[in-house]
Amino acid sequence: MARHPRSGQLELLTRSLRGQIDSIADDGGPVVLVDDLELGWDELGRLLESYEGWHLRIEVRDPSEAFD
C-alpha cells in the first residue's frame, strides 16, 4: 500500500491486503493496521472501491498463526 504521488490517496500495490484489527478509533469504530497505518472502515472502503465487482475474502486469524 502506498500514497499516490499526485492525489495523496492510498492505493494497493498488489491485490493482497494484510493487516490487524486494532482498538476503537476516535469515531467509535474499529481500525485496521496495514503497513503501520491506521485505516478506519470508511478509508478501507475507499481503498477497495476501485475493485467494485471483484470477489473479496476476509479471513480472521489468531495472532499466533503466521501468514502463508
N, C-alpha and C. Protein backbone atom coordinates (compact mmCIF):
# COMPACT_ATOMS: atom_id res chain seq x y z
N MET A 1 0.85 -1.15 0.00
CA MET A 1 0.00 0.00 0.00
C MET A 1 0.91 1.23 0.00
N ALA A 2 0.48 2.24 -0.75
CA ALA A 2 1.25 3.47 -0.84
C ALA A 2 0.32 4.63 -1.15
N ARG A 3 0.81 5.82 -1.00
CA ARG A 3 0.05 7.01 -1.36
C ARG A 3 0.38 7.38 -2.80
N HIS A 4 -0.65 7.69 -3.57
CA HIS A 4 -0.46 8.12 -4.95
C HIS A 4 0.30 9.44 -4.93
N PRO A 5 1.33 9.58 -5.77
CA PRO A 5 2.17 10.78 -5.72
C PRO A 5 1.44 12.09 -6.01
N ARG A 6 0.43 12.05 -6.84
CA ARG A 6 -0.28 13.29 -7.20
C ARG A 6 -1.47 13.56 -6.29
N SER A 7 -2.30 12.54 -6.08
CA SER A 7 -3.54 12.76 -5.33
C SER A 7 -3.37 12.60 -3.82
N GLY A 8 -2.34 11.85 -3.41
CA GLY A 8 -2.17 11.57 -1.99
C GLY A 8 -3.09 10.48 -1.48
N GLN A 9 -3.92 9.92 -2.36
CA GLN A 9 -4.84 8.84 -1.98
C GLN A 9 -4.06 7.54 -1.78
N LEU A 10 -4.51 6.75 -0.80
CA LEU A 10 -3.91 5.44 -0.61
C LEU A 10 -4.30 4.53 -1.76
N GLU A 11 -3.39 3.66 -2.17
CA GLU A 11 -3.69 2.69 -3.22
C GLU A 11 -2.97 1.40 -2.93
N LEU A 12 -3.56 0.31 -3.37
CA LEU A 12 -2.95 -1.00 -3.20
C LEU A 12 -1.87 -1.19 -4.26
N LEU A 13 -0.73 -1.73 -3.85
CA LEU A 13 0.33 -2.02 -4.80
C LEU A 13 0.19 -3.44 -5.35
N THR A 14 -0.52 -4.28 -4.62
CA THR A 14 -0.81 -5.65 -5.05
C THR A 14 -2.30 -5.88 -4.78
N ARG A 15 -2.80 -7.02 -5.17
CA ARG A 15 -4.21 -7.33 -4.91
C ARG A 15 -4.40 -8.05 -3.58
N SER A 16 -3.43 -7.93 -2.71
CA SER A 16 -3.49 -8.58 -1.40
C SER A 16 -3.33 -7.52 -0.32
N LEU A 17 -4.08 -7.67 0.74
CA LEU A 17 -4.02 -6.72 1.85
C LEU A 17 -4.00 -7.51 3.15
N ARG A 18 -3.01 -7.31 3.95
CA ARG A 18 -2.90 -7.98 5.25
C ARG A 18 -2.80 -6.93 6.33
N GLY A 19 -3.50 -7.15 7.42
CA GLY A 19 -3.47 -6.17 8.49
C GLY A 19 -3.89 -6.78 9.80
N GLN A 20 -4.15 -5.93 10.76
CA GLN A 20 -4.52 -6.35 12.10
C GLN A 20 -5.65 -5.45 12.59
N ILE A 21 -6.70 -6.05 13.13
CA ILE A 21 -7.78 -5.29 13.72
C ILE A 21 -7.27 -4.72 15.03
N ASP A 22 -7.50 -3.43 15.23
CA ASP A 22 -6.97 -2.77 16.41
C ASP A 22 -8.09 -2.08 17.18
N SER A 23 -7.72 -1.38 18.20
CA SER A 23 -8.67 -0.76 19.11
C SER A 23 -9.59 0.23 18.41
N ILE A 24 -10.53 0.70 19.14
CA ILE A 24 -11.55 1.61 18.61
C ILE A 24 -10.95 2.97 18.31
N ALA A 25 -11.30 3.53 17.16
CA ALA A 25 -10.82 4.85 16.74
C ALA A 25 -11.61 5.94 17.43
N ASP A 26 -11.22 7.17 17.18
CA ASP A 26 -11.89 8.34 17.78
C ASP A 26 -13.37 8.40 17.45
N ASP A 27 -13.75 7.91 16.26
CA ASP A 27 -15.16 7.96 15.86
C ASP A 27 -15.98 6.79 16.42
N GLY A 28 -15.37 5.94 17.22
CA GLY A 28 -16.09 4.84 17.85
C GLY A 28 -16.03 3.53 17.09
N GLY A 29 -15.43 3.52 15.91
CA GLY A 29 -15.33 2.30 15.13
C GLY A 29 -13.95 1.69 15.23
N PRO A 30 -13.83 0.41 14.90
CA PRO A 30 -12.51 -0.22 14.93
C PRO A 30 -11.64 0.27 13.79
N VAL A 31 -10.36 0.07 13.90
CA VAL A 31 -9.42 0.40 12.84
C VAL A 31 -8.67 -0.86 12.43
N VAL A 32 -8.12 -0.81 11.24
CA VAL A 32 -7.28 -1.90 10.74
C VAL A 32 -5.89 -1.32 10.53
N LEU A 33 -4.89 -1.97 11.10
CA LEU A 33 -3.50 -1.55 10.92
C LEU A 33 -2.94 -2.25 9.69
N VAL A 34 -2.54 -1.48 8.69
CA VAL A 34 -1.95 -2.01 7.46
C VAL A 34 -0.70 -1.20 7.18
N ASP A 35 0.42 -1.88 7.08
CA ASP A 35 1.70 -1.19 6.82
C ASP A 35 1.92 -0.02 7.77
N ASP A 36 1.65 -0.22 9.04
CA ASP A 36 1.82 0.79 10.09
C ASP A 36 0.90 2.00 9.96
N LEU A 37 -0.14 1.88 9.15
CA LEU A 37 -1.14 2.95 9.02
C LEU A 37 -2.45 2.48 9.63
N GLU A 38 -3.13 3.35 10.35
CA GLU A 38 -4.45 3.03 10.89
C GLU A 38 -5.50 3.44 9.87
N LEU A 39 -6.31 2.47 9.44
CA LEU A 39 -7.38 2.74 8.49
C LEU A 39 -8.72 2.49 9.16
N GLY A 40 -9.61 3.48 9.14
CA GLY A 40 -10.97 3.26 9.59
C GLY A 40 -11.73 2.53 8.49
N TRP A 41 -12.95 2.08 8.80
CA TRP A 41 -13.73 1.32 7.82
C TRP A 41 -14.03 2.14 6.57
N ASP A 42 -14.31 3.43 6.72
CA ASP A 42 -14.59 4.28 5.55
C ASP A 42 -13.36 4.39 4.65
N GLU A 43 -12.20 4.60 5.26
CA GLU A 43 -10.98 4.72 4.47
C GLU A 43 -10.63 3.39 3.80
N LEU A 44 -10.84 2.28 4.51
CA LEU A 44 -10.62 0.96 3.93
C LEU A 44 -11.55 0.75 2.74
N GLY A 45 -12.80 1.18 2.87
CA GLY A 45 -13.75 1.08 1.77
C GLY A 45 -13.33 1.88 0.55
N ARG A 46 -12.84 3.10 0.78
CA ARG A 46 -12.36 3.93 -0.33
C ARG A 46 -11.16 3.29 -1.02
N LEU A 47 -10.31 2.63 -0.23
CA LEU A 47 -9.15 1.95 -0.79
C LEU A 47 -9.57 0.81 -1.71
N LEU A 48 -10.67 0.14 -1.37
CA LEU A 48 -11.12 -1.02 -2.13
C LEU A 48 -12.13 -0.69 -3.23
N GLU A 49 -12.66 0.53 -3.27
CA GLU A 49 -13.76 0.83 -4.18
C GLU A 49 -13.39 0.69 -5.65
N SER A 50 -12.13 0.81 -6.00
CA SER A 50 -11.75 0.63 -7.41
C SER A 50 -11.88 -0.83 -7.85
N TYR A 51 -12.09 -1.73 -6.90
CA TYR A 51 -12.26 -3.15 -7.20
C TYR A 51 -13.73 -3.56 -7.18
N GLU A 52 -14.62 -2.61 -7.37
CA GLU A 52 -16.05 -2.91 -7.36
C GLU A 52 -16.36 -4.05 -8.33
N GLY A 53 -17.13 -5.03 -7.86
CA GLY A 53 -17.49 -6.19 -8.67
C GLY A 53 -16.54 -7.36 -8.51
N TRP A 54 -15.39 -7.13 -7.93
CA TRP A 54 -14.43 -8.21 -7.71
C TRP A 54 -14.88 -9.02 -6.49
N HIS A 55 -14.36 -10.22 -6.34
CA HIS A 55 -14.63 -11.04 -5.17
C HIS A 55 -13.66 -10.65 -4.06
N LEU A 56 -14.08 -10.88 -2.83
CA LEU A 56 -13.29 -10.50 -1.67
C LEU A 56 -13.34 -11.62 -0.65
N ARG A 57 -12.21 -11.93 -0.06
CA ARG A 57 -12.15 -12.91 1.02
C ARG A 57 -11.59 -12.22 2.26
N ILE A 58 -12.30 -12.32 3.35
CA ILE A 58 -11.82 -11.80 4.63
C ILE A 58 -11.63 -12.99 5.54
N GLU A 59 -10.45 -13.13 6.07
CA GLU A 59 -10.11 -14.26 6.92
C GLU A 59 -9.55 -13.70 8.23
N VAL A 60 -10.16 -14.06 9.33
CA VAL A 60 -9.69 -13.62 10.64
C VAL A 60 -8.85 -14.75 11.22
N ARG A 61 -7.61 -14.44 11.57
CA ARG A 61 -6.69 -15.47 12.05
C ARG A 61 -6.17 -15.11 13.43
N ASP A 62 -5.85 -16.14 14.20
CA ASP A 62 -5.26 -15.98 15.52
C ASP A 62 -3.89 -15.31 15.36
N PRO A 63 -3.55 -14.36 16.25
CA PRO A 63 -2.25 -13.67 16.13
C PRO A 63 -1.04 -14.61 16.18
N SER A 64 -1.20 -15.78 16.77
CA SER A 64 -0.07 -16.71 16.85
C SER A 64 0.18 -17.45 15.53
N GLU A 65 -0.79 -17.38 14.59
CA GLU A 65 -0.62 -18.05 13.30
C GLU A 65 0.16 -17.16 12.35
N ALA A 66 1.14 -17.72 11.70
CA ALA A 66 1.92 -16.96 10.72
C ALA A 66 1.14 -16.86 9.42
N PHE A 67 1.36 -15.76 8.68
CA PHE A 67 0.77 -15.64 7.35
C PHE A 67 1.54 -16.54 6.41
N ASP A 68 0.80 -17.15 5.49
CA ASP A 68 1.45 -18.00 4.46
C ASP A 68 1.89 -17.18 3.30
